[in-house]
N, C-alpha and C. Protein backbone atom coordinates (compact mmCIF):
# COMPACT_ATOMS: atom_id res chain seq x y z
N MET A 1 38.27 42.19 -0.71
CA MET A 1 37.09 42.89 -0.25
C MET A 1 37.16 44.33 -0.75
N SER A 2 36.08 44.83 -1.28
CA SER A 2 36.05 46.23 -1.71
C SER A 2 34.86 46.91 -1.05
N THR A 3 34.91 48.21 -1.02
CA THR A 3 33.81 48.97 -0.44
C THR A 3 33.08 49.71 -1.54
N THR A 4 31.85 50.10 -1.27
CA THR A 4 31.05 50.76 -2.30
C THR A 4 31.33 52.24 -2.42
N ASP A 5 31.92 52.87 -1.42
CA ASP A 5 32.13 54.31 -1.46
C ASP A 5 33.57 54.70 -1.78
N THR A 6 34.37 53.78 -2.27
CA THR A 6 35.74 54.08 -2.66
C THR A 6 36.14 53.15 -3.80
N HIS A 7 37.11 53.57 -4.57
CA HIS A 7 37.60 52.74 -5.66
C HIS A 7 38.75 51.84 -5.22
N LEU A 8 39.13 51.95 -3.98
CA LEU A 8 40.22 51.13 -3.46
C LEU A 8 39.71 49.75 -3.08
N GLU A 9 40.59 48.77 -3.21
CA GLU A 9 40.29 47.43 -2.71
C GLU A 9 41.22 47.17 -1.54
N PHE A 10 40.65 46.73 -0.44
CA PHE A 10 41.42 46.53 0.79
C PHE A 10 41.65 45.06 1.03
N PRO A 11 42.78 44.71 1.64
CA PRO A 11 43.89 45.58 2.04
C PRO A 11 44.68 46.05 0.82
N CYS A 12 45.33 47.21 0.97
CA CYS A 12 46.15 47.76 -0.10
C CYS A 12 47.27 48.62 0.48
N THR A 13 48.32 48.76 -0.30
CA THR A 13 49.42 49.65 0.08
C THR A 13 48.96 51.08 -0.19
N PHE A 14 49.12 51.96 0.81
CA PHE A 14 48.58 53.31 0.69
C PHE A 14 49.55 54.31 1.32
N PRO A 15 49.95 55.34 0.56
CA PRO A 15 50.83 56.38 1.13
C PRO A 15 50.00 57.49 1.78
N ILE A 16 50.38 57.85 2.98
CA ILE A 16 49.74 58.96 3.69
C ILE A 16 50.77 60.06 3.82
N LYS A 17 50.41 61.26 3.38
CA LYS A 17 51.34 62.38 3.40
C LYS A 17 50.79 63.48 4.30
N ALA A 18 51.66 64.00 5.15
CA ALA A 18 51.30 65.12 6.02
C ALA A 18 52.36 66.21 5.88
N MET A 19 51.92 67.45 5.89
CA MET A 19 52.85 68.57 5.77
C MET A 19 52.70 69.49 6.97
N GLY A 20 53.84 70.03 7.40
CA GLY A 20 53.83 70.94 8.53
C GLY A 20 55.12 71.75 8.54
N LEU A 21 55.23 72.58 9.55
CA LEU A 21 56.45 73.36 9.72
C LEU A 21 57.59 72.43 10.09
N SER A 22 58.76 72.73 9.58
CA SER A 22 59.92 71.90 9.89
C SER A 22 60.17 71.92 11.39
N GLY A 23 60.49 70.81 11.89
CA GLY A 23 60.81 70.66 13.31
C GLY A 23 61.51 69.33 13.47
N THR A 24 62.30 69.22 14.49
CA THR A 24 63.11 68.02 14.63
C THR A 24 62.26 66.77 14.84
N ASP A 25 61.02 66.90 15.27
CA ASP A 25 60.23 65.71 15.56
C ASP A 25 58.92 65.65 14.78
N PHE A 26 58.76 66.43 13.71
CA PHE A 26 57.50 66.38 12.96
C PHE A 26 57.28 64.99 12.38
N ASP A 27 58.34 64.36 11.86
CA ASP A 27 58.19 63.01 11.32
C ASP A 27 57.75 62.03 12.40
N LEU A 28 58.27 62.17 13.60
CA LEU A 28 57.87 61.29 14.70
C LEU A 28 56.40 61.49 15.07
N LEU A 29 55.95 62.73 15.04
CA LEU A 29 54.55 63.04 15.32
C LEU A 29 53.64 62.33 14.32
N VAL A 30 53.96 62.46 13.04
CA VAL A 30 53.14 61.84 11.99
C VAL A 30 53.15 60.33 12.14
N VAL A 31 54.30 59.74 12.35
CA VAL A 31 54.40 58.28 12.52
C VAL A 31 53.60 57.84 13.74
N GLU A 32 53.67 58.58 14.82
CA GLU A 32 52.93 58.23 16.04
C GLU A 32 51.43 58.19 15.77
N ILE A 33 50.92 59.19 15.06
CA ILE A 33 49.49 59.23 14.74
C ILE A 33 49.11 58.06 13.84
N VAL A 34 49.90 57.83 12.81
CA VAL A 34 49.58 56.76 11.86
C VAL A 34 49.62 55.40 12.54
N THR A 35 50.63 55.15 13.37
CA THR A 35 50.74 53.83 14.01
C THR A 35 49.62 53.57 15.01
N ARG A 36 49.02 54.60 15.55
CA ARG A 36 47.87 54.40 16.44
C ARG A 36 46.73 53.69 15.70
N HIS A 37 46.66 53.91 14.40
CA HIS A 37 45.56 53.36 13.61
C HIS A 37 45.98 52.19 12.72
N ALA A 38 47.26 52.13 12.36
CA ALA A 38 47.71 51.13 11.40
C ALA A 38 48.72 50.14 11.95
N GLY A 39 49.11 50.29 13.21
CA GLY A 39 50.14 49.43 13.76
C GLY A 39 51.51 49.88 13.32
N GLN A 40 52.51 49.10 13.66
CA GLN A 40 53.89 49.47 13.33
C GLN A 40 54.09 49.59 11.83
N VAL A 41 54.90 50.54 11.43
CA VAL A 41 55.23 50.70 10.01
C VAL A 41 56.57 50.00 9.76
N HIS A 42 56.74 49.53 8.55
CA HIS A 42 57.96 48.80 8.20
C HIS A 42 59.12 49.76 7.99
N GLU A 43 60.32 49.24 8.17
CA GLU A 43 61.52 50.02 7.92
C GLU A 43 61.51 50.50 6.47
N GLY A 44 61.81 51.74 6.26
CA GLY A 44 61.81 52.31 4.92
C GLY A 44 60.45 52.83 4.48
N ALA A 45 59.44 52.72 5.34
CA ALA A 45 58.09 53.16 4.98
C ALA A 45 57.88 54.65 5.21
N VAL A 46 58.83 55.31 5.85
CA VAL A 46 58.69 56.73 6.18
C VAL A 46 59.75 57.53 5.42
N THR A 47 59.29 58.55 4.71
CA THR A 47 60.21 59.46 4.04
C THR A 47 59.83 60.89 4.40
N ALA A 48 60.82 61.76 4.47
CA ALA A 48 60.60 63.17 4.78
C ALA A 48 61.34 64.01 3.76
N ARG A 49 60.66 65.04 3.27
CA ARG A 49 61.28 65.96 2.30
C ARG A 49 61.04 67.39 2.74
N PRO A 50 62.11 68.16 2.91
CA PRO A 50 61.94 69.57 3.25
C PRO A 50 61.51 70.37 2.02
N SER A 51 60.83 71.48 2.25
CA SER A 51 60.49 72.38 1.14
C SER A 51 61.76 73.05 0.65
N SER A 52 61.67 73.72 -0.48
CA SER A 52 62.86 74.34 -1.07
C SER A 52 63.50 75.37 -0.15
N ASN A 53 62.71 76.06 0.65
CA ASN A 53 63.28 77.05 1.57
C ASN A 53 63.51 76.49 2.97
N GLY A 54 63.12 75.22 3.18
CA GLY A 54 63.38 74.58 4.46
C GLY A 54 62.39 74.92 5.55
N LYS A 55 61.39 75.74 5.27
CA LYS A 55 60.44 76.14 6.30
C LYS A 55 59.44 75.02 6.61
N TYR A 56 59.10 74.22 5.59
CA TYR A 56 58.10 73.16 5.74
C TYR A 56 58.73 71.81 5.48
N VAL A 57 58.04 70.77 5.93
CA VAL A 57 58.48 69.41 5.66
C VAL A 57 57.26 68.57 5.30
N SER A 58 57.47 67.66 4.37
CA SER A 58 56.44 66.72 3.96
C SER A 58 56.88 65.33 4.41
N VAL A 59 56.02 64.65 5.14
CA VAL A 59 56.33 63.31 5.64
C VAL A 59 55.34 62.33 5.02
N THR A 60 55.86 61.29 4.39
CA THR A 60 55.02 60.26 3.80
C THR A 60 55.25 58.95 4.54
N VAL A 61 54.14 58.32 4.93
CA VAL A 61 54.19 57.02 5.60
C VAL A 61 53.37 56.05 4.74
N VAL A 62 54.02 54.98 4.29
CA VAL A 62 53.33 53.97 3.48
C VAL A 62 52.86 52.86 4.42
N ILE A 63 51.54 52.60 4.37
CA ILE A 63 50.95 51.58 5.24
C ILE A 63 50.23 50.53 4.40
N GLN A 64 49.86 49.48 5.06
CA GLN A 64 48.97 48.47 4.47
C GLN A 64 47.58 48.79 5.01
N ALA A 65 46.81 49.54 4.23
CA ALA A 65 45.49 49.99 4.67
C ALA A 65 44.51 48.83 4.66
N GLN A 66 43.70 48.77 5.71
CA GLN A 66 42.74 47.67 5.85
C GLN A 66 41.31 48.06 5.49
N SER A 67 40.98 49.36 5.59
CA SER A 67 39.61 49.79 5.31
C SER A 67 39.56 51.31 5.11
N LYS A 68 38.47 51.76 4.51
CA LYS A 68 38.24 53.19 4.36
C LYS A 68 38.09 53.84 5.74
N GLN A 69 37.45 53.15 6.65
CA GLN A 69 37.27 53.68 8.01
C GLN A 69 38.61 53.92 8.68
N GLN A 70 39.57 53.02 8.47
CA GLN A 70 40.90 53.20 9.03
C GLN A 70 41.56 54.44 8.44
N LEU A 71 41.49 54.60 7.13
CA LEU A 71 42.08 55.78 6.49
C LEU A 71 41.39 57.05 6.97
N ASP A 72 40.07 57.03 7.08
CA ASP A 72 39.33 58.20 7.58
C ASP A 72 39.78 58.58 8.98
N ALA A 73 40.00 57.59 9.83
CA ALA A 73 40.43 57.86 11.21
C ALA A 73 41.83 58.48 11.23
N ILE A 74 42.72 57.97 10.38
CA ILE A 74 44.07 58.53 10.31
C ILE A 74 44.02 59.98 9.86
N TYR A 75 43.31 60.24 8.76
CA TYR A 75 43.23 61.61 8.25
C TYR A 75 42.54 62.54 9.22
N SER A 76 41.53 62.05 9.91
CA SER A 76 40.83 62.87 10.89
C SER A 76 41.77 63.32 12.01
N GLU A 77 42.55 62.38 12.53
CA GLU A 77 43.48 62.74 13.61
C GLU A 77 44.61 63.63 13.12
N LEU A 78 45.12 63.34 11.93
CA LEU A 78 46.19 64.18 11.38
C LEU A 78 45.71 65.62 11.20
N THR A 79 44.57 65.80 10.54
CA THR A 79 44.11 67.16 10.25
C THR A 79 43.66 67.91 11.50
N ALA A 80 43.34 67.18 12.56
CA ALA A 80 42.94 67.83 13.81
C ALA A 80 44.14 68.33 14.61
N HIS A 81 45.34 67.81 14.31
CA HIS A 81 46.51 68.19 15.09
C HIS A 81 46.99 69.58 14.66
N GLU A 82 47.31 70.41 15.64
CA GLU A 82 47.70 71.80 15.37
C GLU A 82 48.97 71.94 14.55
N ARG A 83 49.86 70.95 14.60
CA ARG A 83 51.13 71.05 13.85
C ARG A 83 51.02 70.58 12.41
N VAL A 84 49.93 69.89 12.08
CA VAL A 84 49.75 69.40 10.71
C VAL A 84 48.99 70.43 9.91
N LEU A 85 49.63 70.97 8.87
CA LEU A 85 49.01 71.99 8.06
C LEU A 85 48.11 71.39 6.97
N MET A 86 48.50 70.21 6.47
CA MET A 86 47.73 69.57 5.41
C MET A 86 48.04 68.07 5.42
N ALA A 87 47.04 67.27 5.10
CA ALA A 87 47.24 65.83 4.95
C ALA A 87 46.63 65.40 3.63
N LEU A 88 47.38 64.59 2.89
CA LEU A 88 46.92 64.10 1.58
C LEU A 88 46.91 62.58 1.58
């Protein structure tokens, strides 16, 4: 199934990346938001990389996306959270 307003075909594997200030639980925050919309993530689906100076962290969660609406909901909640500086 494909949608007319995106070039993606669903379902598809899709990486969601969020960046924020380093903190011991930023990765947990991102995973919590993503799982609200995508269900449980598989082992190894979450990676975190600190910035070169360690002030920021980038968390990537790979999901099996089901629709553009699902991705929109994830990005909407991520970008609305005060600890998330950017979501890609």
